[in-house]
Protein backbone atom coordinates (compact mmCIF):
# COMPACT_ATOMS: atom_id res chain seq x y z
CA MET A 1 -44.92 46.93 16.46
CA LYS A 2 -47.63 45.20 18.32
CA THR A 3 -49.93 44.70 21.68
CA ALA A 4 -48.28 41.81 23.77
CA LYS A 5 -51.32 39.42 24.03
CA PRO A 6 -50.65 36.46 26.72
CA PHE A 7 -53.51 34.69 25.76
CA LYS A 8 -52.29 34.65 22.24
CA PHE A 9 -49.55 32.41 24.06
CA PHE A 10 -51.07 30.37 26.20
CA LEU A 11 -53.32 29.01 23.54
CA ILE A 12 -50.55 28.25 21.27
CA THR A 13 -48.99 26.57 24.24
CA TYR A 14 -51.50 24.73 25.83
CA LEU A 15 -52.92 23.30 21.67
CA TRP A 16 -49.01 22.59 20.42
CA SER A 17 -48.11 20.14 23.67
CA TRP A 18 -52.00 18.60 24.52
CA LEU A 19 -52.34 18.04 20.22
CA LEU A 20 -48.36 16.06 20.80
CA TRP A 21 -49.00 15.18 23.66
CA ALA A 22 -53.12 13.36 23.45
CA PRO A 23 -52.15 10.06 22.11
CA PHE A 24 -50.57 9.00 25.12
CA VAL A 25 -52.87 10.48 27.26
CA LEU A 26 -55.49 8.69 25.18
CA ALA A 27 -53.91 5.33 24.83
CA GLY A 28 -53.25 6.18 28.77
CA MET A 29 -57.18 6.24 29.85
CA GLY A 30 -57.90 2.41 27.37
CA LEU A 31 -59.15 5.50 24.68
CA TYR A 32 -56.88 4.29 22.04
CA SER A 33 -55.28 0.96 20.84
CA MET A 34 -51.29 1.09 20.35
CA GLU A 35 -48.28 -1.09 19.98
CA GLU A 36 -46.21 -1.62 23.01
CA ASP A 37 -43.31 -1.31 19.88
CA LEU A 38 -44.63 1.95 18.64
CA TYR A 39 -45.77 3.21 21.76
CA ALA A 40 -41.87 2.48 23.28
CA SER A 41 -40.87 3.47 20.07
CA ILE A 42 -42.00 7.47 19.65
CA SER A 43 -43.82 8.32 23.67
CA PHE A 44 -40.01 9.43 24.60
CA PRO A 45 -39.24 12.07 21.91
CA VAL A 46 -42.67 13.41 20.65
CA LEU A 47 -43.93 14.27 24.22
CA MET A 48 -40.64 16.05 24.28
CA LEU A 49 -41.10 17.52 21.55
CA GLY A 50 -44.75 18.85 23.01
CA ALA A 51 -42.58 20.40 26.12
CA PHE A 52 -41.53 22.76 23.38
CA GLY A 53 -44.91 24.81 24.06
CA PRO A 54 -44.21 27.38 25.94
CA ALA A 55 -41.32 27.84 23.84
CA VAL A 56 -43.18 27.58 20.49
CA GLY A 57 -45.48 30.20 21.50
CA ALA A 58 -42.89 32.66 22.34
CA LEU A 59 -40.84 31.80 19.20
CA PHE A 60 -44.90 32.32 17.29
CA CYS A 61 -45.70 35.53 19.44
CA VAL A 62 -42.51 37.35 19.34
CA TYR A 63 -42.53 37.23 15.73
CA ASN A 64 -45.91 38.26 15.50
CA GLU A 65 -45.20 41.18 17.81
CA SER A 66 -42.32 42.53 16.12
CA GLY A 67 -40.79 41.05 12.88
CA ARG A 68 -37.28 39.15 11.89
CA GLU A 69 -35.74 41.30 14.23
CA GLY A 70 -37.32 41.58 16.96
CA LEU A 71 -37.14 38.15 16.62
CA LYS A 72 -33.29 38.38 16.82
CA LEU A 73 -33.18 40.33 18.95
CA PHE A 74 -35.39 38.26 21.22
CA VAL A 75 -32.74 35.35 20.74
CA ARG A 76 -29.86 37.06 22.25
CA SER A 77 -31.63 37.66 25.82
CA PHE A 78 -30.55 33.98 26.21
CA LEU A 79 -26.76 34.67 25.20
CA SER A 80 -25.75 35.84 28.05
CA LEU A 81 -24.87 34.56 31.17
CA ARG A 82 -23.14 37.12 33.51
CA PHE A 83 -26.04 37.04 35.91
CA GLY A 84 -24.33 38.10 38.74
CA TRP A 85 -22.96 35.82 41.45
CA LYS A 86 -26.34 35.97 43.63
CA VAL A 87 -28.05 34.31 41.11
CA TRP A 88 -25.46 30.88 40.81
CA ALA A 89 -25.71 31.15 44.22
CA ALA A 90 -29.24 30.39 45.02
CA ILE A 91 -28.90 28.18 41.92
CA PHE A 92 -25.88 25.97 42.95
CA LEU A 93 -25.75 26.43 46.81
CA LEU A 94 -29.94 27.15 46.93
CA ILE A 95 -31.18 24.78 45.16
CA PRO A 96 -29.95 21.32 46.17
CA LEU A 97 -29.77 22.54 50.04
CA ALA A 98 -33.81 22.36 49.42
CA ASN A 99 -33.34 19.21 48.32
CA ILE A 100 -30.80 17.89 50.13
CA ILE A 101 -33.12 18.85 53.55
CA VAL A 102 -36.75 17.62 52.47
CA TRP A 103 -34.84 14.23 51.08
CA TYR A 104 -33.28 13.64 54.88
CA ILE A 105 -35.80 15.24 57.11
CA PRO A 106 -38.02 12.19 57.06
CA GLU A 107 -35.11 9.58 58.48
CA LEU A 108 -35.69 11.35 61.21
CA PHE A 109 -39.26 10.10 61.90
CA GLY A 110 -38.47 6.50 60.85
CA HIS A 111 -38.76 7.51 56.43
CA GLU A 112 -37.04 4.69 55.00
CA ARG A 113 -33.63 6.62 52.70
CA LEU A 114 -34.25 7.44 49.05
CA THR A 115 -31.14 6.08 46.76
CA MET A 116 -30.31 8.00 44.28
CA LEU A 117 -31.38 6.81 40.78
CA LEU A 118 -29.00 8.03 37.82
CA PRO A 119 -26.13 5.29 37.99
CA GLY A 120 -23.70 7.11 38.65
CA ILE A 121 -23.00 11.28 40.10
CA TYR A 122 -20.52 10.95 37.07
CA VAL A 123 -23.14 11.21 34.87
CA PHE A 124 -25.09 14.56 36.98
CA PRO A 125 -23.06 16.71 34.84
CA VAL A 126 -24.51 15.10 31.88
CA TYR A 127 -27.75 14.71 33.01
CA TRP A 128 -28.35 18.80 34.41
CA LEU A 129 -27.38 20.16 30.74
CA ILE A 130 -30.33 18.05 29.68
CA MET A 131 -32.73 18.94 32.28
CA VAL A 132 -31.78 22.60 32.02
CA PHE A 133 -31.62 22.24 27.25
CA LEU A 134 -34.70 19.40 27.28
CA GLY A 135 -36.19 18.24 30.07
CA GLY A 136 -37.77 20.96 31.48
CA GLY A 137 -35.72 24.47 31.99
CA GLN A 138 -36.30 24.94 27.96
CA GLU A 139 -39.92 26.19 29.00
CA GLU A 140 -38.36 29.13 30.24
CA ILE A 141 -37.99 30.44 27.08
CA GLY A 142 -41.78 30.84 27.17
CA TRP A 143 -42.62 30.89 31.27
CA ARG A 144 -40.05 33.77 32.31
CA GLY A 145 -38.25 34.74 28.81
CA TYR A 146 -41.52 36.08 27.21
CA VAL A 147 -44.87 36.27 28.92
CA LEU A 148 -43.79 37.03 32.70
CA PRO A 149 -42.82 40.06 31.88
CA ILE A 150 -46.18 41.10 30.50
CA LEU A 151 -47.97 39.74 33.61
CA GLU A 152 -46.61 40.65 35.99
CA THR A 153 -46.68 44.74 34.46
CA LYS A 154 -50.68 44.24 33.23
CA TYR A 155 -51.59 41.80 36.98
CA GLY A 156 -48.30 43.25 39.04
CA LEU A 157 -45.54 40.97 41.10
CA TRP A 158 -47.50 38.99 42.60
CA TYR A 159 -50.75 38.46 40.82
CA GLY A 160 -49.43 38.17 38.05
CA ASN A 161 -46.68 35.40 39.36
CA ILE A 162 -50.06 33.59 40.77
CA ILE A 163 -51.97 33.67 37.29
CA LEU A 164 -48.33 32.65 35.61
CA GLY A 165 -47.75 29.20 38.55
CA PHE A 166 -51.25 27.90 37.34
CA PHE A 167 -51.34 28.19 33.79
CA TRP A 168 -47.65 26.39 34.18
CA ALA A 169 -48.97 23.78 36.12
CA PHE A 170 -52.96 23.10 34.62
CA TRP A 171 -49.88 23.09 31.42
CA HIS A 172 -48.69 19.56 32.87
CA VAL A 173 -52.06 17.94 33.62
CA PRO A 174 -52.38 15.90 30.38
CA LEU A 175 -49.01 14.07 31.63
CA TYR A 176 -51.32 12.21 34.66
CA PHE A 177 -51.92 10.75 32.26
CA VAL A 178 -49.46 9.34 30.36
CA SER A 179 -48.50 5.87 30.97
CA GLY A 180 -45.33 5.24 33.03
CA HIS A 181 -44.94 9.29 33.05
CA MET A 182 -43.20 11.24 36.92
CA GLN A 183 -45.80 13.58 37.11
CA GLU A 184 -48.62 10.37 37.36
CA TYR A 185 -46.35 10.20 40.64
CA LEU A 186 -46.87 13.42 41.47
CA PRO A 187 -50.03 14.77 44.09
CA PHE A 188 -51.52 17.18 41.97
CA LEU A 189 -51.95 19.93 45.09
CA PRO A 190 -48.69 20.41 46.11
CA PHE A 191 -47.25 20.44 42.69
CA LEU A 192 -50.04 23.32 41.98
CA ALA A 193 -47.98 24.75 45.16
CA GLY A 194 -44.61 23.85 44.04
CA CYS A 195 -45.76 25.47 40.46
CA VAL A 196 -46.26 29.07 42.25
CA GLY A 197 -43.04 28.72 44.45
CA MET A 198 -40.78 28.44 42.12
CA SER A 199 -42.38 31.10 39.83
CA PHE A 200 -42.02 33.72 42.84
CA PHE A 201 -38.26 32.08 42.87
CA TYR A 202 -37.81 32.04 39.25
CA SER A 203 -38.20 35.86 39.50
CA TRP A 204 -35.81 36.83 41.71
CA ILE A 205 -33.97 35.01 39.44
CA MET A 206 -34.65 37.28 36.73
CA LYS A 207 -34.58 40.00 38.70
CA ALA A 208 -31.74 39.60 39.62
CA SER A 209 -29.83 39.19 36.97
CA GLY A 210 -30.70 41.87 34.96
CA GLY A 211 -33.87 40.06 33.14
CA LYS A 212 -31.95 37.50 31.54
CA PRO A 213 -33.54 34.58 30.77
CA LEU A 214 -30.95 32.03 30.33
CA SER A 215 -30.81 32.44 34.30
CA ALA A 216 -34.15 30.81 34.50
CA MET A 217 -33.42 28.16 32.64
CA ILE A 218 -30.34 26.79 33.88
CA ALA A 219 -32.71 27.45 37.73
CA HIS A 220 -35.33 25.52 35.97
CA GLY A 221 -32.78 22.48 34.77
CA THR A 222 -30.77 22.44 38.54
CA ILE A 223 -34.39 21.46 39.83
CA ASN A 224 -35.31 19.11 38.08
CA ALA A 225 -31.65 17.65 37.68
CA PHE A 226 -31.91 17.33 41.23
CA ILE A 227 -35.24 15.17 41.77
CA PRO A 228 -33.00 11.73 41.11
CA VAL A 229 -29.46 12.22 43.49
CA PHE A 230 -31.27 13.60 46.38
CA PRO A 231 -35.11 11.71 45.50
CA THR A 232 -37.99 13.62 47.02
CA ILE A 233 -40.73 10.97 44.84
CA ILE A 234 -41.05 7.16 45.50
CA MET A 235 -41.53 6.37 42.02
CA GLU A 236 -45.54 4.99 43.76
CA THR A 237 -49.19 5.66 42.97
CA ASP A 238 -50.42 4.35 46.50
CA VAL A 239 -48.17 5.96 48.58
CA PHE A 240 -47.85 9.31 50.40
CA GLN A 241 -45.55 11.15 49.13
CA THR A 242 -43.84 13.01 52.02
CA ARG A 243 -40.86 14.86 50.58
CA PHE A 244 -43.04 15.88 47.43
CA TRP A 245 -44.62 17.92 49.99
CA LEU A 246 -42.31 18.59 51.50
CA HIS A 247 -40.26 20.00 48.54
CA GLU A 248 -43.00 21.94 46.60
CA PHE A 249 -44.84 24.17 50.28
CA LEU A 250 -40.55 24.68 51.02
CA PHE A 251 -40.18 26.40 47.50
CA LEU A 252 -43.50 28.19 48.05
CA ILE A 253 -42.48 29.32 51.15
CA VAL A 254 -38.50 30.53 50.31
CA GLY A 255 -40.02 31.34 47.21
CA SER A 256 -42.50 34.00 48.67
CA ILE A 257 -39.69 35.68 50.16
CA PHE A 258 -37.12 35.92 47.75
CA LEU A 259 -40.08 37.89 45.61
CA LEU A 260 -41.34 39.49 48.87
CA SER A 261 -37.51 41.11 48.56
CA CYS A 262 -37.95 42.19 44.55
CA TRP A 263 -41.45 44.22 46.21
CA LYS A 264 -40.11 45.85 48.66
CA LYS A 265 -37.37 47.37 46.75
CA GLN A 266 -40.53 48.21 43.96
CA MET A 267 -42.08 49.95 47.16
CA GLN A 268 -38.78 51.78 47.99
CA LYS A 269 -38.68 52.93 44.09
CA SER A 270 -42.33 53.77 43.66
CA LYS A 271 -41.96 56.21 46.52
């Protein structure tokens, strides 16, 4: 078995995603001309394919390090739903509660209510499944499923997750230049803070579930799925995103608290 190298994973992840996103980035910056019909027909599937960069990086590295048998074991690690009640409660109680809180609080200070962006709540179950497997959750095949344990082993619990949070946030940077993509509405500073905070939170999710990476996929997909139900983003570029700032820094605080509990357990075991 070869030694795991996080640099190789990040290189493949970034290359896969950024190369696929490049034509739309260049078009958004006005450096490349693309017909509107062509743009409309291929942008969604190609951008989504690019979002599988972390998964591609993980599968490549696992195969390169452990061969076919190692790859089979890696895939099987995603098949268990036995997370324990604490993980399910964190996913389906804490995540929506945090979303509702930051969605509602600005109304107390005179902000206009943001209405649900889905056509109806009846589509939420299908939308949730899409978010888990195609709309963000699939990133966890690489982020938490592969590289997180390597970074935590090499750099420690806190620094490992901070490093991952930074790589995760900067991986999204090209999407800021894609015309019409939701990323262009998100100020980067709170987004970066949120990525670090969610890295802390997902690390706890992984450990509390017994190292089952499907738990991180479901947590990530659930956070994304609730965005249009209790919106924290105003789909405009010239406004202050109050709810988004609150949401991201709330998760930085919540994630820090959850990771602190993991750190305390590590310290107790090391005594």
